[in-house]
Amino acid sequence: MRRPIGPALRLLLASSLLAVGVAAAAAAHPSGSGTWVGRFWPGPSPDGSMPLPQLMTWAASSVSWAFSGSNITVVIDGSLASLPPAHQTRAAVAGAAAAAALPWCSFQFVLDGQASVAVTRPAAPVLTWTRQLAPGKHTLTITKINQAAGGSAWLQSVAVGGGTFLPPPQSPGQASGRRMLFMGDSYTAGSGSAGNSSCTNLAFENEDALRTYAMATARHFDADAQLLAWAGAGLNVPVRRQASGRLFTAAEREIVSPLMAELFSRADALTASTQANLQSFIPQIVVLAAGTNDFRGVKIGTESHHLEGEDLAEVVPIDAWLDKWEAYVRQIRAAYPGAAIITLVWPFEQQLAGVQGPFKTPAYLQYMAAAHTRLHMAGIQNTHLLQIVGESFNSIQNWCYRHPDAATHAKVAEQLIRFITAVFPAWAGAAA
């Protein structure tokens, strides 16, 4: 546990002390009051309440209640027909095998400290989760643990029998004043984090956002966190065609293969028109782990690498790519003027070289180093670079389909925690 931010630093961060949404208790909806961390759609009403249903789309988004009663029942609807049109478009163009698995949503339920996992899937899209309880005070937290690319579901209702909702519990970030934002691709989303070497693909049941380096870091600092991550998302290079070879239309591409900058402001990850209220959650630290997917289907000189049926393309010219990176960071800086922005670089030069391909590794590393330099030359202040070291990654043989397992995520978190503690000691605080 970390001690809360002190008065002096709290004053410096006054412009970013807007906490997570806490819905006011009201009789208008059955869920009473809850503490919401993450992004939801349609989000809060003008009075600040969070009337149900709310669409849960982003990984690691959670809601907590305190209540008294003898039972509690939660209904979550993940039926494709109930979701916004963009979700139906994604399923329609994803290919037969993928479409048969969409939408798939995994939820962790923590009731009085005891965790369990339940899913919604095409064969059973509506989840009714019920528990009988001894009389007294209880707490329940529901967290969506798989990434937005797997699907979304509506939190329809939460009802307490034989009791009532109590004032909502504080989130860790409400108690400490710390908030973090992580943006990235499949590594940050947690693809494969719940699997091992027996995985034959990145099925959604093999991922758990709570096991990622991002959420491990947030827990260490008692910070609330938003995790905006999408498997396959690049900064500049989207996936342009189906496995069958048909090119996506522009509208389809924006849904199926969004770019990092496109994801930044979305409340529903798949629907561009659902814009989040960026001022409802103002992080003091932003971690960018983007860019790896811009080098997956490229050729450099006479060498080439073809991954999963994607088009081969010349690597994006570095100046054009850097222009995109600068614009992306400026977008974040405009929303969060006081935030420290950390560019996290994966260690593809070591054990991960076999994952990316040796000819792509130097391109990725060169571009990421140049990106940090570009930000300084452009006068964008409070930006930092962290090159993750892969020497301690001793579990690569246990990875799930070329993606880090939970042990590797823990190693990355250790390095990020050390970096933040050293560079931002006042924010990080000290062990209680």
Foldseek 3Di string as FASTA:
>chain_A
DFAAFDPVVCVVCVLFLQDFQWAAADPPAAAGIKGWFAFWPPAADPVRHDHDWIKDFAAFTKIKFKKWAFKKKWKKAFEQVPDPPLQVLQLVFQDDVLNQWPQKWKKWKQKQNDIDIDMATNVRGMDMDMDGHDGDMMMIMIGTFAGNLNGMIIRGHMHHHGITTDRYDDQLCNNRVAEEEEEEECQQRFQQQQAWLVAPDRPRVRGGNCLFLVVVLCVLLSYRYYYQYYHLAALPDWQAHHLVRHGDDPLNRCQNHNHRLQQPQASNSRDSVSGDPLSNHAHQEYEYAHHLNLLQAEADDPRTDHPSNTHYYHRDPLVVSLVSLLVSVVVVCVSHVNHQYEYEYEPCVPPVVVVRPVVSVVVRVVSSVVSQVVCVVVVRPRYYYDYQDDPPVPRCNTTHPSHDYSVVSNSSSVRVNVVCCVPPVSSSHDDD
